[in-house]
């Protein structure tokens, strides 16, 4: 019985010899024979898979059905576990060894393991490889995001952290079903999405290291060289000494001040901010991936379903750009979480005859949650000092990936109650919205350079804009930079 209706089992059958014997004796099923007591057996002859949509998948390749069906969601979870570990490790490595080396090293990890996946001899090997694939994927994403945030300033930083990074992700997401439509074999698809990583090799000579990170390490000359090159490119005359007052400034970070993940929970104010951010990240992540993995109900064609799910992210990221440019961070996060939670709650109230409305509410939920996820990358980066920024991003994303790991199993709760996943996601979103009230505001303020600067920021303050200077772009580098 599936959703209250009887269906033919695809994983077991009545034993043929027993059925033949009963038929030979003239017994009628359901009257003379209690079918629930008949002996059954599994599909001992194997399975045949439809090739109407896919020529080959990981499921058909390794028979991830029936007693092995649990391996389907676990495969996704293994990928998200890799993202979880990568988020935690890469942040600390990036804060210690630099943004640029970690960015390109993890790009290599993602490319190599994506390529090797296509030659997996078993499900176990495939799962191990996809774990490392996820580890590299999120690591280069976070390192690249923080690198761009620290290099760019003003309006350009806002465009990069919203339209640039996020629209690039959405466009890739939209292209994926198009590639998959022509490459319906999972091995060919795996090779196709790994090879573009080779194209990024020449960018090593084009992308600079973060001047902020170099200054935090006391490498002033290297930071000056990068800024001078940027000034020359933009036809701006740089002063003779760019960072002459850097070491003397009260807010400067010195290389001997080593911050690590423990620094995120040492003091009460920083600890509160970290805990609340982790809760918000967790709620947004489980909501995003839960709704992304639930796209099969949007359209009968899975390629169109995937494209719709990707296309709805484009307006979300465009709206995120406007949000980052004109609105306070805390108020934006609260409104986004409340709107997303309410839209998911309302799905269970929609009658079955209005299925299109239910889909629209689900896509509205994904739109605002996607917007919130994009916003949180910039918001988190603005709250923490330079030496702790990548570590903080990594820890928050690590916690969020616990949510993404749970998302495939959350969807399985539909078998108990169809709307239970939406209720859980909506409750998490609303609860996180109230917690976000206690976050500091970062809109219109410079990036902090030290823990002391971070602690001076106030929380539980009216989020409304009351002064003209708040109309300035998101954040500005200090004049010495």
Protein backbone atom coordinates (compact mmCIF):
# COMPACT_ATOMS: atom_id res chain seq x y z
CA UNK A 1 0.00 0.00 0.00
CA UNK A 2 1.50 3.34 -1.12
CA UNK A 3 -0.26 6.58 -0.10
CA UNK A 4 -3.40 4.58 0.69
CA UNK A 5 -3.48 2.78 -2.65
CA UNK A 6 -2.45 -0.75 -3.56
CA UNK A 7 0.35 -1.12 -6.07
CA UNK A 8 2.21 -4.04 -7.59
CA UNK A 9 5.37 -4.78 -5.65
CA UNK A 10 8.59 -4.24 -7.59
CA UNK A 11 10.82 -5.91 -5.00
CA UNK A 12 9.13 -9.21 -4.17
CA UNK A 13 6.84 -11.83 -5.70
CA UNK A 14 4.95 -14.94 -4.67
CA UNK A 15 6.96 -18.09 -5.14
CA UNK A 16 6.06 -19.47 -8.56
CA UNK A 17 6.08 -23.14 -7.53
CA UNK A 18 3.69 -22.45 -4.64
CA UNK A 19 1.30 -20.45 -6.86
CA UNK A 20 1.30 -23.19 -9.53
CA UNK A 21 0.53 -25.83 -6.94
CA UNK A 22 -2.41 -23.87 -5.52
CA UNK A 23 -3.74 -23.12 -9.00
CA UNK A 24 -3.53 -26.80 -9.93
CA UNK A 25 -5.72 -27.58 -6.93
CA UNK A 26 -8.34 -25.06 -8.05
CA UNK A 27 -7.89 -22.60 -5.19
CA UNK A 28 -9.01 -19.02 -5.83
CA UNK A 29 -6.81 -16.19 -4.43
CA UNK A 30 -8.50 -14.08 -1.78
CA UNK A 31 -11.26 -16.65 -1.16
CA UNK A 32 -9.63 -20.02 -0.65
CA UNK A 33 -6.13 -18.66 -0.03
CA UNK A 34 -5.05 -15.86 2.31
CA UNK A 35 -2.55 -13.97 0.13
CA UNK A 36 -0.80 -12.36 3.10
CA UNK A 37 0.29 -15.80 4.25
CA UNK A 38 1.74 -16.92 0.94
CA UNK A 39 5.49 -17.32 0.86
CA UNK A 40 7.33 -14.60 -1.08
CA UNK A 41 10.79 -14.21 -2.53
CA UNK A 42 12.93 -11.37 -3.82
CA UNK A 43 13.76 -10.66 -7.43
CA UNK A 44 16.24 -13.53 -7.72
CA UNK A 45 16.51 -13.02 -11.50
CA UNK A 46 17.55 -9.35 -11.14
CA UNK A 47 15.82 -6.23 -12.41
CA UNK A 48 15.21 -4.55 -15.74
CA UNK A 49 15.33 -0.75 -15.87
CA UNK A 50 13.39 1.59 -18.11
CA UNK A 51 15.52 3.51 -20.59
CA UNK A 52 12.79 5.90 -21.67
CA UNK A 53 14.48 8.79 -19.83
CA UNK A 54 17.96 7.64 -18.79
CA UNK A 55 20.26 5.21 -20.51
CA UNK A 56 22.22 4.53 -17.36
CA UNK A 57 22.22 5.86 -13.80
CA UNK A 58 24.08 5.10 -10.60
CA UNK A 59 20.92 3.32 -9.41
CA UNK A 60 20.76 1.01 -12.41
CA UNK A 61 24.54 0.56 -12.50
CA UNK A 62 24.81 -0.71 -8.92
CA UNK A 63 21.21 -1.97 -8.39
CA UNK A 64 20.38 0.52 -5.62
CA UNK A 65 16.80 -0.74 -5.27
CA UNK A 66 14.68 -2.78 -2.89
CA UNK A 67 16.86 -3.93 0.03
CA UNK A 68 19.61 -1.57 -1.16
CA UNK A 69 17.31 1.39 -1.71
CA UNK A 70 18.72 3.12 1.40
CA UNK A 71 21.91 3.62 -0.58
CA UNK A 72 20.15 6.13 -2.85
CA UNK A 73 19.73 8.91 -0.25
CA UNK A 74 22.99 7.88 1.43
CA UNK A 75 24.86 8.57 -1.83
CA UNK A 76 23.65 12.17 -1.70
CA UNK A 77 24.44 12.30 2.00
CA UNK A 78 28.03 11.14 1.33
CA UNK A 79 28.45 14.07 -1.05
CA UNK A 80 27.08 16.47 1.56
CA UNK A 81 29.34 14.95 4.21
CA UNK A 82 32.27 15.80 1.96
CA UNK A 83 30.96 19.35 1.74
CA UNK A 84 30.65 19.41 5.54
CA UNK A 85 34.25 18.32 6.09
CA UNK A 86 35.53 20.58 3.31
CA UNK A 87 33.77 23.60 4.79
CA UNK A 88 35.42 23.04 8.15
CA UNK A 89 38.93 22.29 6.90
CA UNK A 90 39.21 24.74 4.02
CA UNK A 91 38.24 27.76 6.13
CA UNK A 92 41.08 27.20 8.56
CA UNK A 93 43.57 26.31 5.82
CA UNK A 94 42.60 29.44 3.91
CA UNK A 95 43.06 31.66 6.96
CA UNK A 96 46.47 30.11 7.57
CA UNK A 97 47.97 29.59 4.10
CA UNK A 98 46.04 32.13 2.03
CA UNK A 99 42.89 32.30 -0.07
CA UNK A 100 44.48 31.73 -3.46
CA UNK A 101 46.45 28.47 -2.82
CA UNK A 102 43.46 26.82 -1.17
CA UNK A 103 41.15 27.95 -4.00
CA UNK A 104 43.23 26.31 -6.72
CA UNK A 105 44.20 23.24 -4.69
CA UNK A 106 40.56 22.41 -3.99
CA UNK A 107 39.66 23.09 -7.63
CA UNK A 108 42.15 20.36 -8.52
CA UNK A 109 40.61 18.01 -5.91
CA UNK A 110 37.12 18.53 -7.34
CA UNK A 111 38.23 18.03 -10.94
CA UNK A 112 40.29 14.88 -10.29
CA UNK A 113 37.70 13.08 -8.17
CA UNK A 114 34.81 14.04 -10.48
CA UNK A 115 36.75 12.49 -13.35
CA UNK A 116 37.58 9.32 -11.39
CA UNK A 117 33.91 8.82 -10.44
CA UNK A 118 33.12 7.71 -13.97
CA UNK A 119 35.38 4.68 -13.54
CA UNK A 120 33.98 3.48 -10.21
CA UNK A 121 33.89 -0.34 -10.12
CA UNK A 122 31.40 -0.46 -7.23
CA UNK A 123 28.98 1.65 -5.24
CA UNK A 124 31.39 1.79 -2.30
CA UNK A 125 34.17 3.27 -4.45
CA UNK A 126 31.71 5.70 -6.04
CA UNK A 127 30.56 6.87 -2.60
CA UNK A 128 34.13 7.47 -1.43
CA UNK A 129 34.96 9.43 -4.59
CA UNK A 130 31.82 11.56 -4.37
CA UNK A 131 32.74 12.39 -0.76
CA UNK A 132 36.05 13.91 -1.90
CA UNK A 133 34.30 15.59 -4.81
CA UNK A 134 32.04 17.41 -2.34
CA UNK A 135 35.04 18.26 -0.16
CA UNK A 136 36.73 20.07 -3.04
CA UNK A 137 33.57 21.70 -4.41
CA UNK A 138 32.56 23.69 -1.34
CA UNK A 139 36.16 24.48 -0.41
CA UNK A 140 36.88 26.33 -3.65
CA UNK A 141 33.48 28.03 -3.51
CA UNK A 142 34.07 29.47 -0.03
CA UNK A 143 37.71 30.40 -0.69
CA UNK A 144 36.78 32.13 -3.93
CA UNK A 145 33.91 33.98 -2.28
CA UNK A 146 36.02 35.30 0.59
CA UNK A 147 38.88 36.18 -1.78
CA UNK A 148 36.58 38.28 -3.95
CA UNK A 149 34.95 39.88 -0.91
CA UNK A 150 38.33 41.01 0.43
CA UNK A 151 39.75 42.23 -2.89
CA UNK A 152 36.72 44.17 -4.12
CA UNK A 153 35.11 47.24 -2.55
CA UNK A 154 31.82 49.13 -2.44
CA UNK A 155 29.26 48.47 -5.17
CA UNK A 156 31.57 46.07 -6.97
CA UNK A 157 31.76 43.87 -3.88
CA UNK A 158 27.96 43.86 -3.62
CA UNK A 159 27.62 42.82 -7.27
CA UNK A 160 30.27 40.11 -6.89
CA UNK A 161 28.81 38.58 -3.71
CA UNK A 162 25.28 38.50 -5.12
CA UNK A 163 24.97 38.70 -8.89
CA UNK A 164 28.48 37.50 -9.72
CA UNK A 165 29.00 34.38 -7.63
CA UNK A 166 25.36 33.40 -7.27
CA UNK A 167 24.22 34.00 -10.84
CA UNK A 168 27.25 32.04 -12.01
CA UNK A 169 26.02 29.17 -9.83
CA UNK A 170 22.46 29.49 -11.15
CA UNK A 171 23.57 29.54 -14.79
CA UNK A 172 25.63 26.40 -14.24
CA UNK A 173 22.64 24.81 -12.52
CA UNK A 174 20.42 25.66 -15.52
CA UNK A 175 22.95 24.30 -18.02
CA UNK A 176 23.25 20.99 -16.15
CA UNK A 177 19.88 19.51 -17.28
CA UNK A 178 20.68 20.58 -20.85
CA UNK A 179 23.96 18.65 -20.76
CA UNK A 180 22.26 15.71 -19.06
CA UNK A 181 19.56 15.68 -21.76
CA UNK A 182 22.16 14.91 -24.42
CA UNK A 183 24.39 12.74 -22.22
CA UNK A 184 21.96 10.29 -20.68
CA UNK A 185 24.64 7.95 -19.44
CA UNK A 186 25.84 8.84 -15.94
CA UNK A 187 29.50 8.12 -16.76
CA UNK A 188 29.51 10.48 -19.73
CA UNK A 189 27.82 13.15 -17.62
CA UNK A 190 30.38 12.76 -14.85
CA UNK A 191 33.23 13.22 -17.33
CA UNK A 192 31.55 16.22 -18.96
CA UNK A 193 31.15 18.15 -15.70
CA UNK A 194 34.71 17.43 -14.56
CA UNK A 195 36.69 18.51 -17.63
CA UNK A 196 35.90 22.27 -17.39
CA UNK A 197 38.01 22.33 -14.22
CA UNK A 198 41.10 22.17 -16.44
CA UNK A 199 40.14 25.54 -17.98
CA UNK A 200 40.78 27.29 -14.66
CA UNK A 201 44.53 26.59 -14.62
CA UNK A 202 45.51 29.83 -16.47
CA UNK A 203 43.60 31.87 -13.87
CA UNK A 204 46.42 31.23 -11.38
CA UNK A 205 48.39 34.00 -13.10
CA UNK A 206 45.43 36.38 -13.24
CA UNK A 207 43.89 36.19 -9.75
CA UNK A 208 45.84 37.93 -6.94
CA UNK A 209 46.08 36.97 -3.29
CA UNK A 210 43.93 38.93 -0.83
CA UNK A 211 45.76 42.12 0.27
CA UNK A 212 43.80 42.01 3.53
CA UNK A 213 45.09 38.55 4.31
CA UNK A 214 48.65 39.53 3.40
CA UNK A 215 48.45 42.54 5.72
CA UNK A 216 47.10 40.36 8.53
CA UNK A 217 50.23 38.22 8.10
CA UNK A 218 52.56 41.23 8.16
CA UNK A 219 53.43 40.84 4.45
CA UNK A 220 53.02 44.53 3.69
CA UNK A 221 55.29 44.67 0.63
CA UNK A 222 53.35 41.93 -1.17
CA UNK A 223 50.06 43.65 -0.38
CA UNK A 224 51.41 46.97 -1.70
CA UNK A 225 52.58 45.30 -4.92
CA UNK A 226 49.07 43.93 -5.55
CA UNK A 227 47.42 47.29 -4.85
CA UNK A 228 49.92 49.10 -7.10
CA UNK A 229 49.19 46.68 -9.93
CA UNK A 230 45.46 47.24 -9.45
CA UNK A 231 46.00 51.01 -9.46
CA UNK A 232 47.98 50.78 -12.67
CA UNK A 233 45.29 48.64 -14.31
CA UNK A 234 42.62 51.16 -13.30
CA UNK A 235 44.82 54.12 -14.30
CA UNK A 236 44.97 55.47 -10.76
CA UNK A 237 48.15 56.98 -9.35
CA UNK A 238 49.12 55.21 -6.13
CA UNK A 239 50.95 57.06 -3.33
CA UNK A 240 54.64 56.39 -2.71
CA UNK A 241 53.90 54.50 0.51
CA UNK A 242 50.44 52.96 0.61
CA UNK A 243 50.41 51.37 4.07
CA UNK A 244 52.72 53.69 5.97
CA UNK A 245 50.49 53.85 9.08
CA UNK A 246 49.40 50.24 8.99
CA UNK A 247 51.45 48.84 11.88
CA UNK A 248 50.76 51.84 14.06
CA UNK A 249 47.01 51.73 13.74
CA UNK A 250 45.10 50.62 16.81
CA UNK A 251 42.85 48.30 14.84
CA UNK A 252 45.55 46.50 12.94
CA UNK A 253 45.93 42.76 13.20
CA UNK A 254 49.44 41.46 13.83
CA UNK A 255 50.72 38.12 12.58
CA UNK A 256 51.43 36.97 16.13
CA UNK A 257 47.71 37.17 16.94
CA UNK A 258 46.69 33.69 15.90
CA UNK A 259 42.94 33.15 15.72
CA UNK A 260 41.35 29.76 15.15
CA UNK A 261 38.02 28.02 15.48
CA UNK A 262 38.18 28.30 19.30
CA UNK A 263 38.10 32.08 18.92
CA UNK A 264 34.53 31.77 17.62
CA UNK A 265 33.29 30.69 21.05
CA UNK A 266 35.78 32.31 23.46
CA UNK A 267 33.81 35.44 24.32
CA UNK A 268 30.09 35.70 25.01
CA UNK A 269 29.25 38.21 22.25
CA UNK A 270 31.19 36.38 19.52
CA UNK A 271 29.85 33.03 20.74
CA UNK A 272 26.23 34.24 20.58
CA UNK A 273 26.71 35.56 17.05
CA UNK A 274 28.31 32.30 15.94
CA UNK A 275 25.55 30.10 17.42
CA UNK A 276 22.74 32.16 15.88
CA UNK A 277 24.44 32.26 12.49
CA UNK A 278 24.91 28.48 12.59
CA UNK A 279 21.19 28.02 13.33
CA UNK A 280 20.18 30.29 10.45
CA UNK A 281 22.64 28.57 8.09
CA UNK A 282 21.32 25.14 9.13
CA UNK A 283 17.69 26.11 8.49
CA UNK A 284 18.44 27.67 5.11
CA UNK A 285 20.60 24.74 3.98
CA UNK A 286 18.14 21.97 4.86
CA UNK A 287 15.38 24.07 3.25
CA UNK A 288 17.34 24.74 0.07
CA UNK A 289 18.48 21.17 -0.53
CA UNK A 290 15.20 19.67 0.64
CA UNK A 291 13.29 21.71 -1.94
CA UNK A 292 15.97 21.23 -4.62
CA UNK A 293 15.86 17.44 -4.25
CA UNK A 294 12.06 17.53 -4.37
CA UNK A 295 11.82 18.88 -7.91
CA UNK A 296 10.31 15.71 -9.38
CA UNK A 297 6.78 16.94 -8.66
CA UNK A 298 7.18 20.10 -10.73
CA UNK A 299 6.89 18.43 -14.14
CA UNK A 300 6.62 14.94 -15.57
CA UNK A 301 9.90 15.47 -17.42
CA UNK A 302 12.81 15.46 -14.91
CA UNK A 303 14.98 17.64 -17.16
CA UNK A 304 12.32 20.35 -17.25
CA UNK A 305 11.79 19.97 -13.49
CA UNK A 306 15.48 20.51 -12.87
CA UNK A 307 15.54 23.53 -15.17
CA UNK A 308 12.54 25.13 -13.42
CA UNK A 309 14.15 24.59 -10.04
CA UNK A 310 17.33 26.25 -11.32
CA UNK A 311 15.58 29.10 -13.15
CA UNK A 312 13.73 30.20 -10.02
CA UNK A 313 17.12 30.99 -8.47
CA UNK A 314 17.87 33.73 -11.01
CA UNK A 315 15.29 36.23 -9.67
CA UNK A 316 16.29 35.17 -6.15
CA UNK A 317 19.89 36.25 -6.74
CA UNK A 318 18.85 39.45 -8.49
CA UNK A 319 16.69 40.32 -5.51
CA UNK A 320 19.63 39.46 -3.24
CA UNK A 321 21.72 42.08 -5.03
CA UNK A 322 19.06 44.72 -4.32
CA UNK A 323 18.80 43.53 -0.73
CA UNK A 324 22.56 43.78 -0.16
CA UNK A 325 22.70 47.22 -1.76
CA UNK A 326 19.79 48.96 -0.05
CA UNK A 327 18.52 47.07 3.01
CA UNK A 328 19.89 46.21 6.50
CA UNK A 329 21.19 42.66 6.80
CA UNK A 330 19.37 41.62 9.97
CA UNK A 331 15.95 42.85 8.86
CA UNK A 332 16.41 41.19 5.46
CA UNK A 333 17.30 37.81 6.98
CA UNK A 334 14.31 37.91 9.35
CA UNK A 335 11.83 38.79 6.59
CA UNK A 336 13.25 36.13 4.26
CA UNK A 337 13.00 33.38 6.88
CA UNK A 338 9.45 34.35 7.87
CA UNK A 339 8.23 34.51 4.25
CA UNK A 340 9.86 31.17 3.42
CA UNK A 341 8.45 29.48 6.52
CA UNK A 342 4.91 30.76 5.99
CA UNK A 343 4.85 29.74 2.31
CA UNK A 344 5.88 26.17 3.23
CA UNK A 345 3.28 26.01 6.00
CA UNK A 346 0.53 27.02 3.57
CA UNK A 347 1.23 24.12 1.18
CA UNK A 348 -0.67 21.64 3.36
CA UNK A 349 -3.79 23.86 3.19
CA UNK A 350 -3.97 23.79 -0.61
CA UNK A 351 -6.61 21.36 -1.94
CA UNK A 352 -5.49 18.61 -4.33
CA UNK A 353 -7.44 20.24 -7.18
CA UNK A 354 -5.09 23.26 -7.00
CA UNK A 355 -1.79 21.41 -7.37
CA UNK A 356 -0.36 24.32 -9.39
CA UNK A 357 -0.82 26.60 -6.37
CA UNK A 358 1.05 24.13 -4.15
CA UNK A 359 3.93 24.07 -6.64
CA UNK A 360 3.92 27.88 -6.77
CA UNK A 361 4.14 28.08 -2.97
CA UNK A 362 6.97 25.56 -2.97
CA UNK A 363 8.87 27.58 -5.57
CA UNK A 364 8.22 30.78 -3.60
CA UNK A 365 9.72 29.04 -0.59
CA UNK A 366 12.76 28.02 -2.60
CA UNK A 367 13.12 31.50 -4.09
CA UNK A 368 13.29 33.26 -0.71
CA UNK A 369 15.43 30.53 0.89
CA UNK A 370 17.86 30.76 -2.04
CA UNK A 371 17.93 34.51 -1.58
CA UNK A 372 18.62 34.04 2.13
CA UNK A 373 21.42 31.56 1.51
CA UNK A 374 23.14 33.99 -0.86
CA UNK A 375 22.68 36.84 1.58
CA UNK A 376 24.18 34.86 4.47
CA UNK A 377 27.51 34.42 2.67
CA UNK A 378 27.95 38.20 2.54
CA UNK A 379 26.43 38.85 5.99
CA UNK A 380 28.70 36.31 7.71
CA UNK A 381 31.80 37.68 5.95
CA UNK A 382 30.94 41.21 7.11
CA UNK A 383 30.61 40.25 10.77
CA UNK A 384 34.02 38.62 11.38
CA UNK A 385 37.58 40.04 11.30
CA UNK A 386 40.07 39.23 8.55
CA UNK A 387 42.05 36.53 10.36
CA UNK A 388 38.84 34.74 11.35
CA UNK A 389 36.63 35.44 8.35
CA UNK A 390 37.24 32.28 6.33
CA UNK A 391 37.22 30.09 9.44
CA UNK A 392 33.87 31.57 10.47
CA UNK A 393 32.42 31.05 6.99
CA UNK A 394 33.74 27.49 7.03
CA UNK A 395 32.26 26.67 10.44
CA UNK A 396 28.85 28.13 9.58
CA UNK A 397 28.78 26.25 6.28
CA UNK A 398 29.92 23.09 8.07
CA UNK A 399 26.91 23.29 10.38
CA UNK A 400 24.67 24.07 7.43
CA UNK A 401 25.87 20.91 5.69
CA UNK A 402 24.51 18.85 8.55
CA UNK A 403 21.17 20.12 7.28
CA UNK A 404 21.98 19.21 3.69
CA UNK A 405 23.06 15.72 4.83
CA UNK A 406 19.68 15.27 6.51
CA UNK A 407 17.70 16.65 3.55
CA UNK A 408 17.56 13.39 1.50
CA UNK A 409 16.22 11.51 4.53
CA UNK A 410 13.83 14.33 5.43
CA UNK A 411 12.06 13.78 2.14
CA UNK A 412 11.50 10.13 3.07
CA UNK A 413 9.11 11.33 5.81
CA UNK A 414 6.53 11.90 3.06
CA UNK A 415 5.75 8.20 3.29
CA UNK A 416 4.40 8.74 6.82
CA UNK A 417 2.70 12.10 6.19
CA UNK A 418 2.90 13.89 2.86
CA UNK A 419 3.27 17.39 4.32
CA UNK A 420 5.57 16.55 7.23
CA UNK A 421 8.76 17.74 5.43
CA UNK A 422 7.15 21.13 4.71
CA UNK A 423 6.02 21.50 8.33
CA UNK A 424 9.52 20.76 9.64
CA UNK A 425 11.17 23.14 7.16
CA UNK A 426 8.67 25.90 7.92
CA UNK A 427 9.13 25.52 11.68
CA UNK A 428 12.91 25.74 11.39
CA UNK A 429 12.65 28.87 9.24
CA UNK A 430 10.30 30.69 11.62
CA UNK A 431 12.37 29.71 14.68
CA UNK A 432 15.56 30.96 13.02
CA UNK A 433 13.86 34.26 12.16
CA UNK A 434 13.29 35.00 15.85
CA UNK A 435 16.87 34.01 16.71
CA UNK A 436 18.17 36.40 14.02
CA UNK A 437 16.78 39.31 16.04
CA UNK A 438 19.86 39.06 18.25
CA UNK A 439 22.43 39.34 15.44
CA UNK A 440 24.57 42.50 15.04
CA UNK A 441 23.99 44.78 12.06
CA UNK A 442 26.75 45.20 9.47
CA UNK A 443 25.06 47.34 6.82
CA UNK A 444 27.08 50.43 5.89
CA UNK A 445 29.98 49.54 8.20
CA UNK A 446 33.61 48.70 7.35
CA UNK A 447 34.86 45.12 7.59
CA UNK A 448 36.24 44.49 11.10
CA UNK A 449 39.98 43.94 11.35
CA UNK A 450 40.03 42.57 14.90
CA UNK A 451 37.93 40.74 17.48
CA UNK A 452 37.68 44.00 19.41
CA UNK A 453 36.06 45.74 16.46
CA UNK A 454 33.65 42.87 16.04
CA UNK A 455 32.61 43.01 19.70
CA UNK A 456 31.80 46.72 19.47
CA UNK A 457 28.97 46.06 17.05
CA UNK A 458 25.57 46.23 18.64
CA UNK A 459 22.71 43.77 18.39
CA UNK A 460 18.98 44.00 19.17
CA UNK A 461 18.89 47.48 17.67
CA UNK A 462 16.06 48.88 15.58
CA UNK A 463 16.85 47.63 12.07
CA UNK A 464 15.15 50.58 10.37
CA UNK A 465 17.36 52.98 8.49
CA UNK A 466 17.35 56.30 10.34
CA UNK A 467 20.45 58.04 9.08
CA UNK A 468 21.53 59.09 5.61
CA UNK A 469 24.92 57.48 5.85
CA UNK A 470 23.24 54.09 6.00
CA UNK A 471 22.34 54.56 2.36
CA UNK A 472 25.97 53.96 1.41
CA UNK A 473 26.92 50.66 -0.26
CA UNK A 474 27.35 47.58 1.84
CA UNK A 475 30.91 47.95 3.17
CA UNK A 476 34.06 49.93 2.43
CA UNK A 477 37.71 49.21 2.88
CA UNK A 478 39.44 51.63 5.24
CA UNK A 479 41.21 54.56 3.64
CA UNK A 480 44.62 53.02 4.21
CA UNK A 481 43.63 50.14 1.92
